[in-house]
Amino acid sequence: MSVKRIAVAGTCGLALIIARQIHDSTSHQLIILSRSLQPGLQSQGYQCQVVDYNDPSSIQHSLLGVDTIISTITGNAQLRLIEAAVASRVRRFVPAEFEGRPSLRTQNGLLDRGRAAALALLQHYRGYIQSTVFVCGIFYERFSVNGMVSLRIGVNTGYGNEGDYMADPRNMTAVAPVYDSSQNLSVLCLTSVYDVARFVIRALDMSSWPAEMSMCGERMTVQNLIETMQSCRGRQFYPIEWQNPANLQYQMTMAQMAGDTPKQRKLATLIETSENRYAFTSPGYLNSVFPDIAPMSFRSWFTNNWASVS
């Protein structure tokens, strides 16, 4: 297995979990790209490079000898990074996706954060650089104590705090998008960020990359998810609002009329969930390629995460 130079762009929680996995469990050379100095990371032995994403020469300089980029940055910075990667002859690029299948995402812009533009640019340059989207569904960590922002994930998404998505396990209230538009039970796939990192790192050594690579910790109905959280907490959600797309769309219209963007963002994720946009066939592609990776179950993760909260 050849040693490669891998660049992780960003210093959010997901970036650092992936970087730590590369650092601890592979012989690849790792470089972390950051907008600012990272003395804390450097003191732990990580090689960090300060990058100005408004300066193409700064980005290209940081990509010398890099084989693969794993991006956790969005917007214009990611577009500049893709262009610099092509100019620097980087072989592979992983865009900041890590959610449902991009083809199922609503084109409403609320949840996009520049991701569609990045995929379009990678498609444009596909003759020069390989790329893949890692499809993992919803992070377990959306249901973390203190929210996924406690891991510095999803800080700017509008649904990163505790209780922002579907369920508030501390106060036991829930808005559950349990039915799709055909009144069937809605389904979603979920994976812990730590398992996502394990699959991503193993995929670095694959000889070829399909356009998408899915992985899945657990696939379940929204109803099962709610019941699992109730069982782990030993309490019932009350109140619990069972929702379908039509009800959620009505609430979205009201939020739009009120100009309430934070509420629109939270409702958008619930609408996507109710329309099965975070669901894909299980086991995921990478689960089949790497059967020795046994992802943590949602029940185990949730029980462990909430053990200290009465």
C-alpha atoms as a PDB file:
ATOM      1  CA  MET A   1       0.000   0.000   0.000  1.00  0.00           C
ATOM      2  CA  SER A   2       1.643   3.227  -1.152  1.00  0.00           C
ATOM      3  CA  VAL A   3       2.115   6.129   1.252  1.00  0.00           C
ATOM      4  CA  LYS A   4       0.193   9.189   0.079  1.00  0.00           C
ATOM      5  CA  ARG A   5       0.126  12.822   1.107  1.00  0.00           C
ATOM      6  CA  ILE A   6      -3.419  13.536   2.307  1.00  0.00           C
ATOM      7  CA  ALA A   7      -4.730  17.053   2.942  1.00  0.00           C
ATOM      8  CA  VAL A   8      -7.720  17.603   5.229  1.00  0.00           C
ATOM      9  CA  ALA A   9      -9.222  21.047   4.597  1.00  0.00           C
ATOM     10  CA  GLY A  10     -10.803  22.569   7.695  1.00  0.00           C
ATOM     11  CA  THR A  11     -10.524  22.242  11.465  1.00  0.00           C
ATOM     12  CA  CYS A  12     -14.138  21.520  12.439  1.00  0.00           C
ATOM     13  CA  GLY A  13     -14.910  18.440  14.521  1.00  0.00           C
ATOM     14  CA  LEU A  14     -15.420  16.148  11.523  1.00  0.00           C
ATOM     15  CA  ALA A  15     -12.124  17.294   9.951  1.00  0.00           C
ATOM     16  CA  LEU A  16     -10.199  16.597  13.151  1.00  0.00           C
ATOM     17  CA  ILE A  17     -11.849  13.191  13.703  1.00  0.00           C
ATOM     18  CA  ILE A  18     -10.839  12.192  10.152  1.00  0.00           C
ATOM     19  CA  ALA A  19      -7.363  13.695  10.596  1.00  0.00           C
ATOM     20  CA  ARG A  20      -6.826  11.822  13.870  1.00  0.00           C
ATOM     21  CA  GLN A  21      -7.861   8.555  12.198  1.00  0.00           C
ATOM     22  CA  ILE A  22      -5.332   9.126   9.383  1.00  0.00           C
ATOM     23  CA  HIS A  23      -2.633  10.123  11.891  1.00  0.00           C
ATOM     24  CA  ASP A  24      -3.210   7.195  14.278  1.00  0.00           C
ATOM     25  CA  SER A  25      -4.060   4.291  11.976  1.00  0.00           C
ATOM     26  CA  THR A  26      -2.250   4.830   8.647  1.00  0.00           C
ATOM     27  CA  SER A  27       1.250   5.610   7.404  1.00  0.00           C
ATOM     28  CA  HIS A  28      -0.013   8.355   5.065  1.00  0.00           C
ATOM     29  CA  GLN A  29       1.479  11.837   5.396  1.00  0.00           C
ATOM     30  CA  LEU A  30      -1.180  14.193   6.747  1.00  0.00           C
ATOM     31  CA  ILE A  31      -1.463  17.944   6.337  1.00  0.00           C
ATOM     32  CA  ILE A  32      -4.286  20.027   7.832  1.00  0.00           C
ATOM     33  CA  LEU A  33      -5.257  23.149   5.874  1.00  0.00           C
ATOM     34  CA  SER A  34      -6.508  25.992   8.059  1.00  0.00           C
ATOM     35  CA  ARG A  35      -7.327  29.667   7.677  1.00  0.00           C
ATOM     36  CA  SER A  36      -5.428  30.461  10.892  1.00  0.00           C
ATOM     37  CA  LEU A  37      -2.461  29.239  12.917  1.00  0.00           C
ATOM     38  CA  GLN A  38      -3.145  26.048  14.902  1.00  0.00           C
ATOM     39  CA  PRO A  39      -0.532  25.910  17.710  1.00  0.00           C
ATOM     40  CA  GLY A  40      -2.658  23.408  19.668  1.00  0.00           C
ATOM     41  CA  LEU A  41      -2.729  20.920  16.790  1.00  0.00           C
ATOM     42  CA  GLN A  42       0.930  21.474  15.980  1.00  0.00           C
ATOM     43  CA  SER A  43       1.877  20.767  19.597  1.00  0.00           C
ATOM     44  CA  GLN A  44       0.140  17.377  19.171  1.00  0.00           C
ATOM     45  CA  GLY A  45       2.378  16.574  16.200  1.00  0.00           C
ATOM     46  CA  TYR A  46       0.065  17.551  13.350  1.00  0.00           C
ATOM     47  CA  GLN A  47       1.453  19.347  10.312  1.00  0.00           C
ATOM     48  CA  CYS A  48      -0.705  22.400   9.648  1.00  0.00           C
ATOM     49  CA  GLN A  49      -0.592  24.857   6.764  1.00  0.00           C
ATOM     50  CA  VAL A  50      -2.228  28.300   6.869  1.00  0.00           C
ATOM     51  CA  VAL A  51      -4.186  28.918   3.654  1.00  0.00           C
ATOM     52  CA  ASP A  52      -5.742  32.079   2.237  1.00  0.00           C
ATOM     53  CA  TYR A  53      -8.678  30.805   0.168  1.00  0.00           C
ATOM     54  CA  ASN A  54      -8.865  34.174  -1.638  1.00  0.00           C
ATOM     55  CA  ASP A  55      -5.325  33.690  -2.966  1.00  0.00           C
ATOM     56  CA  PRO A  56      -4.932  30.864  -5.540  1.00  0.00           C
ATOM     57  CA  SER A  57      -1.132  30.817  -5.182  1.00  0.00           C
ATOM     58  CA  SER A  58      -1.464  30.360  -1.393  1.00  0.00           C
ATOM     59  CA  ILE A  59      -3.721  27.345  -1.899  1.00  0.00           C
ATOM     60  CA  GLN A  60      -1.547  25.831  -4.629  1.00  0.00           C
ATOM     61  CA  HIS A  61       1.551  26.217  -2.458  1.00  0.00           C
ATOM     62  CA  SER A  62      -0.157  24.244   0.346  1.00  0.00           C
ATOM     63  CA  LEU A  63      -1.059  21.425  -2.086  1.00  0.00           C
ATOM     64  CA  LEU A  64       2.482  20.575  -3.224  1.00  0.00           C
ATOM     65  CA  GLY A  65       2.769  16.794  -3.476  1.00  0.00           C
ATOM     66  CA  VAL A  66      -0.781  16.187  -2.224  1.00  0.00           C
ATOM     67  CA  ASP A  67      -2.496  13.078  -3.628  1.00  0.00           C
ATOM     68  CA  THR A  68      -5.964  13.410  -2.045  1.00  0.00           C
ATOM     69  CA  ILE A  69      -7.931  16.273  -0.458  1.00  0.00           C
ATOM     70  CA  ILE A  70     -10.739  15.661   2.029  1.00  0.00           C
ATOM     71  CA  SER A  71     -12.736  18.879   2.290  1.00  0.00           C
ATOM     72  CA  THR A  72     -14.935  19.963   5.185  1.00  0.00           C
ATOM     73  CA  ILE A  73     -15.166  23.588   4.017  1.00  0.00           C
ATOM     74  CA  THR A  74     -18.093  24.925   1.981  1.00  0.00           C
ATOM     75  CA  GLY A  75     -18.982  27.918  -0.181  1.00  0.00           C
ATOM     76  CA  ASN A  76     -16.509  29.886  -2.301  1.00  0.00           C
ATOM     77  CA  ALA A  77     -13.520  28.609  -0.308  1.00  0.00           C
ATOM     78  CA  GLN A  78     -14.257  25.051  -1.454  1.00  0.00           C
ATOM     79  CA  LEU A  79     -14.627  26.172  -5.095  1.00  0.00           C
ATOM     80  CA  ARG A  80     -11.225  27.888  -4.932  1.00  0.00           C
ATOM     81  CA  LEU A  81      -9.771  24.740  -3.342  1.00  0.00           C
ATOM     82  CA  ILE A  82     -11.095  22.566  -6.193  1.00  0.00           C
ATOM     83  CA  GLU A  83      -9.600  24.921  -8.817  1.00  0.00           C
ATOM     84  CA  ALA A  84      -6.243  24.946  -7.014  1.00  0.00           C
ATOM     85  CA  ALA A  85      -6.350  21.141  -6.709  1.00  0.00           C
ATOM     86  CA  VAL A  86      -6.798  20.797 -10.480  1.00  0.00           C
ATOM     87  CA  ALA A  87      -4.005  23.321 -11.141  1.00  0.00           C
ATOM     88  CA  SER A  88      -1.732  21.424  -8.717  1.00  0.00           C
ATOM     89  CA  ARG A  89      -2.554  18.035 -10.288  1.00  0.00           C
ATOM     90  CA  VAL A  90      -4.053  16.600  -7.112  1.00  0.00           C
ATOM     91  CA  ARG A  91      -5.388  13.145  -8.005  1.00  0.00           C
ATOM     92  CA  ARG A  92      -8.515  12.888  -5.819  1.00  0.00           C
ATOM     93  CA  PHE A  93     -10.959  15.215  -4.082  1.00  0.00           C
ATOM     94  CA  VAL A  94     -13.647  14.510  -1.470  1.00  0.00           C
ATOM     95  CA  PRO A  95     -16.176  17.377  -1.289  1.00  0.00           C
ATOM     96  CA  ALA A  96     -17.832  18.477   1.954  1.00  0.00           C
ATOM     97  CA  GLU A  97     -21.016  16.424   1.694  1.00  0.00           C
ATOM     98  CA  PHE A  98     -21.280  13.613   4.303  1.00  0.00           C
ATOM     99  CA  GLU A  99     -25.074  13.358   4.357  1.00  0.00           C
ATOM    100  CA  GLY A 100     -27.787  11.904   2.088  1.00  0.00           C
ATOM    101  CA  ARG A 101     -27.424  11.327  -1.652  1.00  0.00           C
ATOM    102  CA  PRO A 102     -26.928  14.726  -3.346  1.00  0.00           C
ATOM    103  CA  SER A 103     -29.320  13.753  -6.171  1.00  0.00           C
ATOM    104  CA  LEU A 104     -32.180  13.553  -3.642  1.00  0.00           C
ATOM    105  CA  ARG A 105     -31.513  16.936  -2.055  1.00  0.00           C
ATOM    106  CA  THR A 106     -34.164  19.615  -2.589  1.00  0.00           C
ATOM    107  CA  GLN A 107     -32.911  22.507  -4.673  1.00  0.00           C
ATOM    108  CA  ASN A 108     -34.317  25.068  -2.236  1.00  0.00           C
ATOM    109  CA  GLY A 109     -30.945  26.514  -1.240  1.00  0.00           C
ATOM    110  CA  LEU A 110     -31.635  26.494   2.496  1.00  0.00           C
ATOM    111  CA  LEU A 111     -29.542  23.381   3.103  1.00  0.00           C
ATOM    112  CA  ASP A 112     -27.169  23.644   0.149  1.00  0.00           C
ATOM    113  CA  ARG A 113     -24.392  25.902   1.544  1.00  0.00           C
ATOM    114  CA  GLY A 114     -22.679  25.926  -1.871  1.00  0.00           C
ATOM    115  CA  ARG A 115     -22.448  22.151  -2.123  1.00  0.00           C
ATOM    116  CA  ALA A 116     -24.244  21.829  -5.493  1.00  0.00           C
ATOM    117  CA  ALA A 117     -21.806  24.320  -7.040  1.00  0.00           C
ATOM    118  CA  ALA A 118     -18.862  22.266  -5.748  1.00  0.00           C
ATOM    119  CA  LEU A 119     -20.261  19.053  -7.260  1.00  0.00           C
ATOM    120  CA  ALA A 120     -20.874  20.846 -10.575  1.00  0.00           C
ATOM    121  CA  LEU A 121     -17.276  22.120 -10.611  1.00  0.00           C
ATOM    122  CA  LEU A 122     -15.904  18.632  -9.873  1.00  0.00           C
ATOM    123  CA  GLN A 123     -18.077  17.268 -12.689  1.00  0.00           C
ATOM    124  CA  HIS A 124     -16.659  19.950 -15.000  1.00  0.00           C
ATOM    125  CA  TYR A 125     -13.082  18.889 -14.123  1.00  0.00           C
ATOM    126  CA  ARG A 126     -13.776  15.145 -14.011  1.00  0.00           C
ATOM    127  CA  GLY A 127     -11.204  14.533 -16.771  1.00  0.00           C
ATOM    128  CA  TYR A 128      -8.507  15.966 -14.488  1.00  0.00           C
ATOM    129  CA  ILE A 129      -9.439  14.930 -10.947  1.00  0.00           C
ATOM    130  CA  GLN A 130     -11.294  11.965  -9.426  1.00  0.00           C
ATOM    131  CA  SER A 131     -13.913  12.599  -6.776  1.00  0.00           C
ATOM    132  CA  THR A 132     -16.466  10.738  -4.710  1.00  0.00           C
ATOM    133  CA  VAL A 133     -19.280  11.729  -2.373  1.00  0.00           C
ATOM    134  CA  PHE A 134     -19.369   9.882   0.940  1.00  0.00           C
ATOM    135  CA  VAL A 135     -23.048   9.217   1.665  1.00  0.00           C
ATOM    136  CA  CYS A 136     -23.641   8.446   5.341  1.00  0.00           C
ATOM    137  CA  GLY A 137     -27.145   9.744   6.073  1.00  0.00           C
ATOM    138  CA  ILE A 138     -27.705  11.627   9.309  1.00  0.00           C
ATOM    139  CA  PHE A 139     -24.925  11.798  11.904  1.00  0.00           C
ATOM    140  CA  TYR A 140     -25.859  10.139  15.205  1.00  0.00           C
ATOM    141  CA  GLU A 141     -24.231  13.215  16.724  1.00  0.00           C
ATOM    142  CA  ARG A 142     -27.228  15.359  15.748  1.00  0.00           C
ATOM    143  CA  PHE A 143     -28.796  13.786  18.855  1.00  0.00           C
ATOM    144  CA  SER A 144     -25.776  14.447  21.105  1.00  0.00           C
ATOM    145  CA  VAL A 145     -25.933  15.947  24.571  1.00  0.00           C
ATOM    146  CA  ASN A 146     -25.381  19.689  23.861  1.00  0.00           C
ATOM    147  CA  GLY A 147     -25.918  19.035  20.154  1.00  0.00           C
ATOM    148  CA  MET A 148     -23.411  18.293  17.424  1.00  0.00           C
ATOM    149  CA  VAL A 149     -21.982  21.807  17.904  1.00  0.00           C
ATOM    150  CA  SER A 150     -20.402  20.372  21.081  1.00  0.00           C
ATOM    151  CA  LEU A 151     -18.119  18.455  18.664  1.00  0.00           C
ATOM    152  CA  ARG A 152     -17.744  21.606  16.526  1.00  0.00           C
ATOM    153  CA  ILE A 153     -19.819  20.032  13.761  1.00  0.00           C
ATOM    154  CA  GLY A 154     -22.592  21.890  11.933  1.00  0.00           C
ATOM    155  CA  VAL A 155     -21.890  25.174  13.732  1.00  0.00           C
ATOM    156  CA  ASN A 156     -23.230  27.280  10.827  1.00  0.00           C
ATOM    157  CA  THR A 157     -25.979  24.956   9.613  1.00  0.00           C
ATOM    158  CA  GLY A 158     -28.815  26.280  11.748  1.00  0.00           C
ATOM    159  CA  TYR A 159     -29.636  22.841  13.187  1.00  0.00           C
ATOM    160  CA  GLY A 160     -26.525  21.984  15.198  1.00  0.00           C
ATOM    161  CA  ASN A 161     -27.718  22.680  18.752  1.00  0.00           C
ATOM    162  CA  GLU A 162     -29.287  20.186  21.141  1.00  0.00           C
ATOM    163  CA  GLY A 163     -32.908  19.575  20.220  1.00  0.00           C
ATOM    164  CA  ASP A 164     -32.684  21.347  16.839  1.00  0.00           C
ATOM    165  CA  TYR A 165     -33.404  18.219  14.796  1.00  0.00           C
ATOM    166  CA  MET A 166     -36.501  16.110  15.364  1.00  0.00           C
ATOM    167  CA  ALA A 167     -36.116  15.337  19.073  1.00  0.00           C
ATOM    168  CA  ASP A 168     -35.142  17.106  22.302  1.00  0.00           C
ATOM    169  CA  PRO A 169     -34.102  14.148  24.496  1.00  0.00           C
ATOM    170  CA  ARG A 170     -33.424  16.363  27.521  1.00  0.00           C
ATOM    171  CA  ASN A 171     -36.932  17.853  27.681  1.00  0.00           C
ATOM    172  CA  MET A 172     -38.539  14.848  25.915  1.00  0.00           C
ATOM    173  CA  THR A 173     -40.333  16.806  23.190  1.00  0.00           C
ATOM    174  CA  ALA A 174     -40.295  15.802  19.525  1.00  0.00           C
ATOM    175  CA  VAL A 175     -41.460  16.861  16.071  1.00  0.00           C
ATOM    176  CA  ALA A 176     -41.287  13.544  14.232  1.00  0.00           C
ATOM    177  CA  PRO A 177     -41.525  13.542  10.399  1.00  0.00           C
ATOM    178  CA  VAL A 178     -42.872  10.019  10.569  1.00  0.00           C
ATOM    179  CA  TYR A 179     -44.874   9.811   7.308  1.00  0.00           C
ATOM    180  CA  ASP A 180     -43.896  10.443   3.698  1.00  0.00           C
ATOM    181  CA  SER A 181     -46.262  12.003   1.147  1.00  0.00           C
ATOM    182  CA  SER A 182     -47.814   8.576   0.438  1.00  0.00           C
ATOM    183  CA  GLN A 183     -48.522   8.148   4.172  1.00  0.00           C
ATOM    184  CA  ASN A 184     -45.918   5.373   4.387  1.00  0.00           C
ATOM    185  CA  LEU A 185     -43.490   5.375   7.315  1.00  0.00           C
ATOM    186  CA  SER A 186     -40.474   7.558   6.464  1.00  0.00           C
ATOM    187  CA  VAL A 187     -37.027   5.965   6.669  1.00  0.00           C
ATOM    188  CA  LEU A 188     -33.543   7.322   7.286  1.00  0.00           C
ATOM    189  CA  CYS A 189     -29.974   6.063   7.475  1.00  0.00           C
ATOM    190  CA  LEU A 190     -27.688   7.177  10.299  1.00  0.00           C
ATOM    191  CA  THR A 191     -23.977   6.797  11.052  1.00  0.00           C
ATOM    192  CA  SER A 192     -21.694   8.035  13.837  1.00  0.00           C
ATOM    193  CA  VAL A 193     -19.015  10.499  12.689  1.00  0.00           C
ATOM    194  CA  TYR A 194     -16.373   8.178  14.195  1.00  0.00           C
ATOM    195  CA  ASP A 195     -17.515   5.327  11.946  1.00  0.00           C
ATOM    196  CA  VAL A 196     -17.688   7.717   8.968  1.00  0.00           C
ATOM    197  CA  ALA A 197     -14.011   8.518   9.597  1.00  0.00           C
ATOM    198  CA  ARG A 198     -13.089   4.811   9.697  1.00  0.00           C
ATOM    199  CA  PHE A 199     -14.776   4.124   6.348  1.00  0.00           C
ATOM    200  CA  VAL A 200     -13.335   7.252   4.703  1.00  0.00           C
ATOM    201  CA  ILE A 201      -9.789   6.352   5.747  1.00  0.00           C
ATOM    202  CA  ARG A 202     -10.107   2.801   4.404  1.00  0.00           C
ATOM    203  CA  ALA A 203     -11.461   4.147   1.100  1.00  0.00           C
ATOM    204  CA  LEU A 204      -8.260   6.186   0.586  1.00  0.00           C
ATOM    205  CA  ASP A 205      -6.475   3.006  -0.489  1.00  0.00           C
ATOM    206  CA  MET A 206      -9.146   1.819  -2.964  1.00  0.00           C
ATOM    207  CA  SER A 207      -7.821   1.624  -6.528  1.00  0.00           C
ATOM    208  CA  SER A 208     -10.962   3.147  -8.052  1.00  0.00           C
ATOM    209  CA  TRP A 209     -13.661   5.451  -6.721  1.00  0.00           C
ATOM    210  CA  PRO A 210     -17.286   5.366  -7.877  1.00  0.00           C
ATOM    211  CA  ALA A 211     -19.134   8.712  -7.926  1.00  0.00           C
ATOM    212  CA  GLU A 212     -20.793   7.913  -4.587  1.00  0.00           C
ATOM    213  CA  MET A 213     -19.822   5.590  -1.737  1.00  0.00           C
ATOM    214  CA  SER A 214     -22.433   4.941   0.915  1.00  0.00           C
ATOM    215  CA  MET A 215     -21.953   3.718   4.469  1.00  0.00           C
ATOM    216  CA  CYS A 216     -24.551   3.078   7.131  1.00  0.00           C
ATOM    217  CA  GLY A 217     -24.506   2.584  10.877  1.00  0.00           C
ATOM    218  CA  GLU A 218     -28.219   1.887  11.016  1.00  0.00           C
ATOM    219  CA  ARG A 219     -31.261   2.126   8.729  1.00  0.00           C
ATOM    220  CA  MET A 220     -34.614   2.575  10.484  1.00  0.00           C
ATOM    221  CA  THR A 221     -37.974   4.274  10.313  1.00  0.00           C
ATOM    222  CA  VAL A 222     -38.387   7.614  12.075  1.00  0.00           C
ATOM    223  CA  GLN A 223     -40.920   5.871  14.316  1.00  0.00           C
ATOM    224  CA  ASN A 224     -38.288   3.277  15.356  1.00  0.00           C
ATOM    225  CA  LEU A 225     -35.786   6.044  16.000  1.00  0.00           C
ATOM    226  CA  ILE A 226     -38.214   7.873  18.304  1.00  0.00           C
ATOM    227  CA  GLU A 227     -39.085   4.611  20.105  1.00  0.00           C
ATOM    228  CA  THR A 228     -35.377   3.782  20.567  1.00  0.00           C
ATOM    229  CA  MET A 229     -34.696   7.177  22.168  1.00  0.00           C
ATOM    230  CA  GLN A 230     -37.717   6.771  24.471  1.00  0.00           C
ATOM    231  CA  SER A 231     -36.565   3.297  25.478  1.00  0.00           C
ATOM    232  CA  CYS A 232     -33.006   4.485  26.216  1.00  0.00           C
ATOM    233  CA  ARG A 233     -34.240   7.461  28.231  1.00  0.00           C
ATOM    234  CA  GLY A 234     -36.867   5.388  30.064  1.00  0.00           C
ATOM    235  CA  ARG A 235     -39.399   8.171  29.383  1.00  0.00           C
ATOM    236  CA  GLN A 236     -42.012   9.069  26.785  1.00  0.00           C
ATOM    237  CA  PHE A 237     -41.737  12.087  24.508  1.00  0.00           C
ATOM    238  CA  TYR A 238     -44.483  14.558  25.449  1.00  0.00           C
ATOM    239  CA  PRO A 239     -45.686  16.342  23.496  1.00  0.00           C
ATOM    240  CA  ILE A 240     -44.820  14.540  20.292  1.00  0.00           C
ATOM    241  CA  GLU A 241     -45.960  15.981  16.972  1.00  0.00           C
ATOM    242  CA  TRP A 242     -46.311  13.277  14.297  1.00  0.00           C
ATOM    243  CA  GLN A 243     -45.775  15.070  10.991  1.00  0.00           C
ATOM    244  CA  ASN A 244     -46.047  14.483   7.240  1.00  0.00           C
ATOM    245  CA  PRO A 245     -44.666  16.603   4.348  1.00  0.00           C
ATOM    246  CA  ALA A 246     -47.921  18.558   3.835  1.00  0.00           C
ATOM    247  CA  ASN A 247     -48.054  19.721   7.485  1.00  0.00           C
ATOM    248  CA  LEU A 248     -44.363  20.572   7.471  1.00  0.00           C
ATOM    249  CA  GLN A 249     -44.710  22.452   4.164  1.00  0.00           C
ATOM    250  CA  TYR A 250     -47.555  24.508   5.671  1.00  0.00           C
ATOM    251  CA  GLN A 251     -45.317  25.398   8.628  1.00  0.00           C
ATOM    252  CA  MET A 252     -42.557  26.302   6.164  1.00  0.00           C
ATOM    253  CA  THR A 253     -44.907  28.691   4.325  1.00  0.00           C
ATOM    254  CA  MET A 254     -45.808  30.332   7.655  1.00  0.00           C
ATOM    255  CA  ALA A 255     -42.102  30.650   8.577  1.00  0.00           C
ATOM    256  CA  GLN A 256     -41.360  32.184   5.155  1.00  0.00           C
ATOM    257  CA  MET A 257     -44.183  34.710   5.572  1.00  0.00           C
ATOM    258  CA  ALA A 258     -42.809  35.602   9.010  1.00  0.00           C
ATOM    259  CA  GLY A 259     -39.259  35.867   7.637  1.00  0.00           C
ATOM    260  CA  ASP A 260     -38.116  33.337  10.229  1.00  0.00           C
ATOM    261  CA  THR A 261     -34.970  31.877   8.579  1.00  0.00           C
ATOM    262  CA  PRO A 262     -33.797  29.814  11.613  1.00  0.00           C
ATOM    263  CA  LYS A 263     -37.173  28.044  11.704  1.00  0.00           C
ATOM    264  CA  GLN A 264     -37.071  27.513   7.925  1.00  0.00           C
ATOM    265  CA  ARG A 265     -33.685  25.759   8.205  1.00  0.00           C
ATOM    266  CA  LYS A 266     -34.936  23.379  10.905  1.00  0.00           C
ATOM    267  CA  LEU A 267     -38.150  22.646   8.983  1.00  0.00           C
ATOM    268  CA  ALA A 268     -36.145  21.998   5.781  1.00  0.00           C
ATOM    269  CA  THR A 269     -34.268  19.120   7.451  1.00  0.00           C
ATOM    270  CA  LEU A 270     -37.558  17.640   8.685  1.00  0.00           C
ATOM    271  CA  ILE A 271     -39.120  17.890   5.212  1.00  0.00           C
ATOM    272  CA  GLU A 272     -36.073  16.147   3.696  1.00  0.00           C
ATOM    273  CA  THR A 273     -36.406  13.421   6.338  1.00  0.00           C
ATOM    274  CA  SER A 274     -40.123  12.908   5.744  1.00  0.00           C
ATOM    275  CA  GLU A 275     -39.458  12.547   1.999  1.00  0.00           C
ATOM    276  CA  ASN A 276     -36.838   9.817   2.641  1.00  0.00           C
ATOM    277  CA  ARG A 277     -33.984  11.937   1.301  1.00  0.00           C
ATOM    278  CA  TYR A 278     -31.585  10.597   3.934  1.00  0.00           C
ATOM    279  CA  ALA A 279     -32.455   6.977   3.096  1.00  0.00           C
ATOM    280  CA  PHE A 280     -30.542   4.597   0.835  1.00  0.00           C
ATOM    281  CA  THR A 281     -30.225   0.842   0.523  1.00  0.00           C
ATOM    282  CA  SER A 282     -28.543  -0.969   3.380  1.00  0.00           C
ATOM    283  CA  PRO A 283     -25.947  -2.267   3.900  1.00  0.00           C
ATOM    284  CA  GLY A 284     -24.060   0.683   2.433  1.00  0.00           C
ATOM    285  CA  TYR A 285     -21.530   0.111  -0.349  1.00  0.00           C
ATOM    286  CA  LEU A 286     -18.552   0.526   1.985  1.00  0.00           C
ATOM    287  CA  ASN A 287     -20.122  -1.775   4.597  1.00  0.00           C
ATOM    288  CA  SER A 288     -19.950  -4.489   1.930  1.00  0.00           C
ATOM    289  CA  VAL A 289     -16.413  -3.588   0.781  1.00  0.00           C
ATOM    290  CA  PHE A 290     -15.068  -3.490   4.363  1.00  0.00           C
ATOM    291  CA  PRO A 291     -17.121  -6.061   6.324  1.00  0.00           C
ATOM    292  CA  ASP A 292     -14.536  -6.018   9.129  1.00  0.00           C
ATOM    293  CA  ILE A 293     -15.689  -2.500  10.095  1.00  0.00           C
ATOM    294  CA  ALA A 294     -18.613  -3.013  12.467  1.00  0.00           C
ATOM    295  CA  PRO A 295     -20.367   0.345  12.974  1.00  0.00           C
ATOM    296  CA  MET A 296     -21.801   1.179  16.389  1.00  0.00           C
ATOM    297  CA  SER A 297     -25.585   0.752  16.677  1.00  0.00           C
ATOM    298  CA  PHE A 298     -27.657   3.859  17.324  1.00  0.00           C
ATOM    299  CA  ARG A 299     -28.993   2.386  20.581  1.00  0.00           C
ATOM    300  CA  SER A 300     -25.466   1.776  21.940  1.00  0.00           C
ATOM    301  CA  TRP A 301     -24.284   5.211  20.858  1.00  0.00           C
ATOM    302  CA  PHE A 302     -27.327   7.037  22.284  1.00  0.00           C
ATOM    303  CA  THR A 303     -27.302   5.125  25.596  1.00  0.00           C
ATOM    304  CA  ASN A 304     -23.619   5.915  26.055  1.00  0.00           C
ATOM    305  CA  ASN A 305     -24.002   9.566  25.034  1.00  0.00           C
ATOM    306  CA  TRP A 306     -26.929  10.292  27.374  1.00  0.00           C
ATOM    307  CA  ALA A 307     -25.803   8.092  30.315  1.00  0.00           C
ATOM    308  CA  SER A 308     -24.844  11.085  32.463  1.00  0.00           C
ATOM    309  CA  VAL A 309     -28.136  12.995  31.933  1.00  0.00           C
ATOM    310  CA  SER A 310     -31.001  12.071  34.263  1.00  0.00           C
END
